[in-house]
C-alpha atoms as a PDB file:
ATOM      1  CA  MET A   1    -105.816   4.113  42.016  1.00  0.00           C
ATOM      2  CA  ASN A   2    -106.070   1.602  39.221  1.00  0.00           C
ATOM      3  CA  VAL A   3    -102.870  -0.472  38.920  1.00  0.00           C
ATOM      4  CA  GLU A   4    -102.033  -2.343  35.713  1.00  0.00           C
ATOM      5  CA  ILE A   5     -99.117  -4.604  34.774  1.00  0.00           C
ATOM      6  CA  MET A   6     -97.803  -4.705  31.204  1.00  0.00           C
ATOM      7  CA  SER A   7     -94.988  -5.944  29.048  1.00  0.00           C
ATOM      8  CA  ARG A   8     -92.918  -3.605  26.923  1.00  0.00           C
ATOM      9  CA  GLU A   9     -94.719  -4.840  23.811  1.00  0.00           C
ATOM     10  CA  ALA A  10     -98.200  -4.343  25.323  1.00  0.00           C
ATOM     11  CA  LEU A  11     -97.345  -0.810  26.464  1.00  0.00           C
ATOM     12  CA  MET A  12     -96.030   0.145  23.037  1.00  0.00           C
ATOM     13  CA  GLU A  13     -99.243  -1.163  21.471  1.00  0.00           C
ATOM     14  CA  LEU A  14    -101.371   0.765  24.016  1.00  0.00           C
ATOM     15  CA  ALA A  15     -99.383   3.954  23.324  1.00  0.00           C
ATOM     16  CA  LYS A  16    -100.491   3.953  19.683  1.00  0.00           C
ATOM     17  CA  GLU A  17    -103.552   5.793  20.998  1.00  0.00           C
ATOM     18  CA  PRO A  18    -103.557   8.662  23.534  1.00  0.00           C
ATOM     19  CA  PHE A  19    -103.557   7.614  27.171  1.00  0.00           C
ATOM     20  CA  GLN A  20    -106.482   8.373  29.437  1.00  0.00           C
ATOM     21  CA  GLU A  21    -106.050  11.473  31.551  1.00  0.00           C
ATOM     22  CA  GLY A  22    -104.410  10.714  34.890  1.00  0.00           C
ATOM     23  CA  THR A  23    -102.217   7.884  33.571  1.00  0.00           C
ATOM     24  CA  SER A  24     -98.739   7.455  35.060  1.00  0.00           C
ATOM     25  CA  ILE A  25     -96.181   4.842  34.053  1.00  0.00           C
ATOM     26  CA  ILE A  26     -93.213   3.260  35.788  1.00  0.00           C
ATOM     27  CA  SER A  27     -91.205   1.749  32.938  1.00  0.00           C
ATOM     28  CA  ILE A  28     -88.529  -0.743  33.993  1.00  0.00           C
ATOM     29  CA  THR A  29     -85.851  -1.813  31.544  1.00  0.00           C
ATOM     30  CA  ASN A  30     -82.793  -4.025  31.768  1.00  0.00           C
ATOM     31  CA  THR A  31     -79.554  -2.135  32.235  1.00  0.00           C
ATOM     32  CA  ASP A  32     -78.414  -3.143  28.740  1.00  0.00           C
ATOM     33  CA  HIS A  33     -81.643  -2.048  26.949  1.00  0.00           C
ATOM     34  CA  ALA A  34     -82.803   1.363  25.763  1.00  0.00           C
ATOM     35  CA  ASP A  35     -85.764   3.017  27.461  1.00  0.00           C
ATOM     36  CA  VAL A  36     -89.134   2.298  25.895  1.00  0.00           C
ATOM     37  CA  ILE A  37     -90.165   4.965  23.376  1.00  0.00           C
ATOM     38  CA  LEU A  38     -93.897   5.584  23.116  1.00  0.00           C
ATOM     39  CA  GLU A  39     -95.904   7.092  20.273  1.00  0.00           C
ATOM     40  CA  HIS A  40     -98.173   8.915  22.763  1.00  0.00           C
ATOM     41  CA  GLN A  41     -97.070  10.035  26.205  1.00  0.00           C
ATOM     42  CA  PRO A  42     -98.914   9.590  29.517  1.00  0.00           C
ATOM     43  CA  ASP A  43     -99.304  12.458  31.974  1.00  0.00           C
ATOM     44  CA  ARG A  44     -96.262  11.243  33.896  1.00  0.00           C
ATOM     45  CA  MET A  45     -93.602   8.644  33.211  1.00  0.00           C
ATOM     46  CA  MET A  46     -90.650   7.350  35.190  1.00  0.00           C
ATOM     47  CA  HIS A  47     -87.876   5.269  33.610  1.00  0.00           C
ATOM     48  CA  VAL A  48     -85.932   2.899  35.883  1.00  0.00           C
ATOM     49  CA  LYS A  49     -83.086   0.579  34.854  1.00  0.00           C
ATOM     50  CA  PHE A  50     -82.223  -2.529  36.842  1.00  0.00           C
ATOM     51  CA  ASP A  51     -81.987  -6.205  36.067  1.00  0.00           C
ATOM     52  CA  ASP A  52     -84.438  -8.888  37.134  1.00  0.00           C
ATOM     53  CA  VAL A  53     -82.452 -10.157  40.121  1.00  0.00           C
ATOM     54  CA  SER A  54     -84.247 -11.304  43.255  1.00  0.00           C
ATOM     55  CA  ASP A  55     -83.360 -12.343  46.798  1.00  0.00           C
ATOM     56  CA  GLU A  56     -82.967 -15.946  45.763  1.00  0.00           C
ATOM     57  CA  ILE A  57     -79.715 -15.164  43.953  1.00  0.00           C
ATOM     58  CA  PHE A  58     -77.943 -14.743  47.297  1.00  0.00           C
ATOM     59  CA  GLU A  59     -78.814 -18.200  48.555  1.00  0.00           C
ATOM     60  CA  GLU A  60     -78.424 -19.845  45.140  1.00  0.00           C
ATOM     61  CA  LEU A  61     -74.836 -18.657  44.846  1.00  0.00           C
ATOM     62  CA  LEU A  62     -73.816 -19.609  48.389  1.00  0.00           C
ATOM     63  CA  GLY A  63     -76.197 -22.433  49.221  1.00  0.00           C
ATOM     64  CA  ARG A  64     -77.083 -20.607  52.434  1.00  0.00           C
ATOM     65  CA  LYS A  65     -78.113 -17.178  53.679  1.00  0.00           C
ATOM     66  CA  PRO A  66     -75.263 -14.696  53.239  1.00  0.00           C
ATOM     67  CA  ASN A  67     -73.895 -12.362  55.875  1.00  0.00           C
ATOM     68  CA  ALA A  68     -73.913  -8.611  55.198  1.00  0.00           C
ATOM     69  CA  ARG A  69     -70.411  -8.567  53.657  1.00  0.00           C
ATOM     70  CA  GLU A  70     -71.185 -11.475  51.337  1.00  0.00           C
ATOM     71  CA  MET A  71     -74.501  -9.902  50.374  1.00  0.00           C
ATOM     72  CA  HIS A  72     -72.763  -6.676  49.392  1.00  0.00           C
ATOM     73  CA  GLN A  73     -70.159  -8.567  47.323  1.00  0.00           C
ATOM     74  CA  ILE A  74     -72.811 -10.582  45.499  1.00  0.00           C
ATOM     75  CA  ALA A  75     -75.049  -7.560  44.944  1.00  0.00           C
ATOM     76  CA  SER A  76     -72.144  -5.635  43.411  1.00  0.00           C
ATOM     77  CA  ARG A  77     -71.940  -8.284  40.640  1.00  0.00           C
ATOM     78  CA  PHE A  78     -75.514  -7.599  39.544  1.00  0.00           C
ATOM     79  CA  HIS A  79     -77.495  -4.503  38.588  1.00  0.00           C
ATOM     80  CA  MET A  80     -80.090  -4.792  41.337  1.00  0.00           C
ATOM     81  CA  LEU A  81     -82.723  -2.247  42.280  1.00  0.00           C
ATOM     82  CA  SER A  82     -80.902   0.413  44.305  1.00  0.00           C
ATOM     83  CA  ASN A  83     -82.115   2.219  47.410  1.00  0.00           C
ATOM     84  CA  ALA A  84     -82.110   5.515  45.478  1.00  0.00           C
ATOM     85  CA  GLN A  85     -84.263   4.027  42.701  1.00  0.00           C
ATOM     86  CA  THR A  86     -86.645   2.580  45.284  1.00  0.00           C
ATOM     87  CA  GLN A  87     -87.041   5.959  46.961  1.00  0.00           C
ATOM     88  CA  GLN A  88     -87.646   7.658  43.604  1.00  0.00           C
ATOM     89  CA  MET A  89     -90.328   5.108  42.709  1.00  0.00           C
ATOM     90  CA  ALA A  90     -91.967   5.513  46.125  1.00  0.00           C
ATOM     91  CA  ASP A  91     -92.037   9.308  45.728  1.00  0.00           C
ATOM     92  CA  PHE A  92     -93.480   8.943  42.217  1.00  0.00           C
ATOM     93  CA  VAL A  93     -96.253   6.630  43.459  1.00  0.00           C
ATOM     94  CA  LEU A  94     -97.025   8.730  46.553  1.00  0.00           C
ATOM     95  CA  SER A  95     -97.247  11.891  44.444  1.00  0.00           C
ATOM     96  CA  MET A  96    -100.182  10.294  42.597  1.00  0.00           C
ATOM     97  CA  ARG A  97    -102.187  10.658  45.827  1.00  0.00           C
ATOM     98  CA  ASN A  98    -103.921   7.323  45.198  1.00  0.00           C
ATOM     99  CA  GLU A  99    -105.595   8.701  42.044  1.00  0.00           C
ATOM    100  CA  GLY A 100    -105.572   7.828  38.354  1.00  0.00           C
ATOM    101  CA  THR A 101    -104.008   4.806  36.695  1.00  0.00           C
ATOM    102  CA  LEU A 102    -100.518   3.507  37.358  1.00  0.00           C
ATOM    103  CA  ILE A 103     -99.104   1.247  34.665  1.00  0.00           C
ATOM    104  CA  CYS A 104     -96.176  -0.860  35.843  1.00  0.00           C
ATOM    105  CA  GLN A 105     -94.183  -2.091  32.851  1.00  0.00           C
ATOM    106  CA  CYS A 106     -91.122  -4.308  32.469  1.00  0.00           C
ATOM    107  CA  GLU A 107     -89.788  -6.391  29.597  1.00  0.00           C
ATOM    108  CA  HIS A 108     -92.239  -9.296  29.896  1.00  0.00           C
ATOM    109  CA  GLY A 109     -94.745  -7.816  32.359  1.00  0.00           C
ATOM    110  CA  GLN A 110     -94.393 -10.671  34.817  1.00  0.00           C
ATOM    111  CA  SER A 111     -91.678 -10.118  37.431  1.00  0.00           C
ATOM    112  CA  ARG A 112     -90.309  -6.639  38.174  1.00  0.00           C
ATOM    113  CA  SER A 113     -93.468  -4.773  37.136  1.00  0.00           C
ATOM    114  CA  ALA A 114     -95.559  -7.288  39.099  1.00  0.00           C
ATOM    115  CA  GLY A 115     -93.354  -6.696  42.154  1.00  0.00           C
ATOM    116  CA  VAL A 116     -93.925  -2.936  41.860  1.00  0.00           C
ATOM    117  CA  ALA A 117     -97.672  -3.386  41.365  1.00  0.00           C
ATOM    118  CA  ALA A 118     -97.921  -5.782  44.324  1.00  0.00           C
ATOM    119  CA  ALA A 119     -96.103  -3.302  46.586  1.00  0.00           C
ATOM    120  CA  VAL A 120     -98.432  -0.472  45.528  1.00  0.00           C
ATOM    121  CA  MET A 121    -101.525  -2.652  46.004  1.00  0.00           C
ATOM    122  CA  GLU A 122    -100.279  -3.782  49.411  1.00  0.00           C
ATOM    123  CA  TYR A 123     -99.450  -0.252  50.524  1.00  0.00           C
ATOM    124  CA  TYR A 124    -102.801   1.263  49.553  1.00  0.00           C
ATOM    125  CA  TYR A 125    -105.247  -1.629  49.809  1.00  0.00           C
ATOM    126  CA  GLN A 126    -103.518  -4.537  51.628  1.00  0.00           C
ATOM    127  CA  LYS A 127    -104.118  -6.609  48.459  1.00  0.00           C
ATOM    128  CA  GLY A 128    -100.620  -7.241  47.158  1.00  0.00           C
ATOM    129  CA  VAL A 129    -101.180 -10.952  47.691  1.00  0.00           C
ATOM    130  CA  ASN A 130    -103.681 -10.902  44.810  1.00  0.00           C
ATOM    131  CA  ILE A 131    -100.831 -10.317  42.376  1.00  0.00           C
ATOM    132  CA  PHE A 132     -98.736 -13.080  43.946  1.00  0.00           C
ATOM    133  CA  ALA A 133    -101.725 -15.437  43.616  1.00  0.00           C
ATOM    134  CA  ASP A 134    -102.324 -14.584  39.951  1.00  0.00           C
ATOM    135  CA  VAL A 135    -100.714 -17.276  37.764  1.00  0.00           C
ATOM    136  CA  ARG A 136     -99.878 -14.711  35.058  1.00  0.00           C
ATOM    137  CA  TYR A 137     -97.268 -13.097  37.289  1.00  0.00           C
ATOM    138  CA  TYR A 138     -94.084 -14.012  39.142  1.00  0.00           C
ATOM    139  CA  PRO A 139     -93.521 -10.892  41.263  1.00  0.00           C
ATOM    140  CA  ASN A 140     -89.908 -10.161  42.060  1.00  0.00           C
ATOM    141  CA  LYS A 141     -89.923 -10.433  45.856  1.00  0.00           C
ATOM    142  CA  HIS A 142     -86.887  -8.219  46.296  1.00  0.00           C
ATOM    143  CA  VAL A 143     -88.576  -5.410  44.334  1.00  0.00           C
ATOM    144  CA  PHE A 144     -91.824  -5.956  46.250  1.00  0.00           C
ATOM    145  CA  ARG A 145     -90.255  -5.850  49.730  1.00  0.00           C
ATOM    146  CA  LYS A 146     -87.894  -3.001  48.985  1.00  0.00           C
ATOM    147  CA  LEU A 147     -90.548  -0.768  47.385  1.00  0.00           C
ATOM    148  CA  LEU A 148     -93.179  -1.556  50.019  1.00  0.00           C
ATOM    149  CA  CYS A 149     -90.735  -0.632  52.761  1.00  0.00           C
ATOM    150  CA  SER A 150     -89.823   2.607  50.985  1.00  0.00           C
ATOM    151  CA  LEU A 151     -93.503   3.456  50.443  1.00  0.00           C
ATOM    152  CA  ARG A 152     -94.161   2.926  54.146  1.00  0.00           C
ATOM    153  CA  ILE A 153     -91.196   5.020  55.261  1.00  0.00           C
ATOM    154  CA  ARG A 154     -91.715   7.861  52.779  1.00  0.00           C
ATOM    155  CA  GLY A 155     -95.474   7.748  53.364  1.00  0.00           C
ATOM    156  CA  GLY A 156     -94.975   8.150  57.122  1.00  0.00           C
ATOM    157  CA  ARG A 157     -95.675   4.555  58.113  1.00  0.00           C
ATOM    158  CA  ARG A 158     -93.359   2.111  59.841  1.00  0.00           C
ATOM    159  CA  CYS A 159     -91.692  -0.720  57.962  1.00  0.00           C
ATOM    160  CA  PRO A 160     -91.540  -3.856  60.125  1.00  0.00           C
ATOM    161  CA  LYS A 161     -87.902  -4.983  60.325  1.00  0.00           C
ATOM    162  CA  ASN A 162     -88.854  -8.659  60.293  1.00  0.00           C
ATOM    163  CA  LYS A 163     -90.487  -8.207  56.869  1.00  0.00           C
ATOM    164  CA  THR A 164     -87.294  -7.265  55.050  1.00  0.00           C
ATOM    165  CA  SER A 165     -85.109  -9.275  52.747  1.00  0.00           C
ATOM    166  CA  PRO A 166     -81.390  -9.231  51.878  1.00  0.00           C
ATOM    167  CA  GLY A 167     -80.347  -5.810  50.682  1.00  0.00           C
ATOM    168  CA  VAL A 168     -83.502  -4.085  51.926  1.00  0.00           C
ATOM    169  CA  GLN A 169     -82.745  -1.173  54.211  1.00  0.00           C
ATOM    170  CA  CYS A 170     -85.621  -0.372  56.546  1.00  0.00           C
ATOM    171  CA  HIS A 171     -85.037   2.193  59.252  1.00  0.00           C
END
């Protein structure tokens, strides 16, 4: 699978021409923005709405690691990636059967989409670190950990409990 990371603007420019066969897109938008509308459509497209909030928000607000109750209270103030959305994204990615091109798109193409791409690259190729090391991106760690865990669970692999982050439910 070829995995690409794009901004909203770059995806809209790319969609002025037909997509290559086998292209799938996960399009992430802020909760207060409309879904991206493309001139040409890929074979498959998934729209997901959540804000660019990461694990660090918990500690920034409290100055320490929160307990489960505090984490839930803080998370309820933000539109974070939900468990249901994570499972839907994992199912979408797994249904590609490691074939074709997956375009991960968010507003600026740097954080949420990079977190999704890193999780996919880690799941299939153990190369998610390449995206973290690329200075063009600032992968959202919460998105990365949560999606990777969901990919592992839904793909029949175990998700190590010590690799989770606040709000990530691994069973």
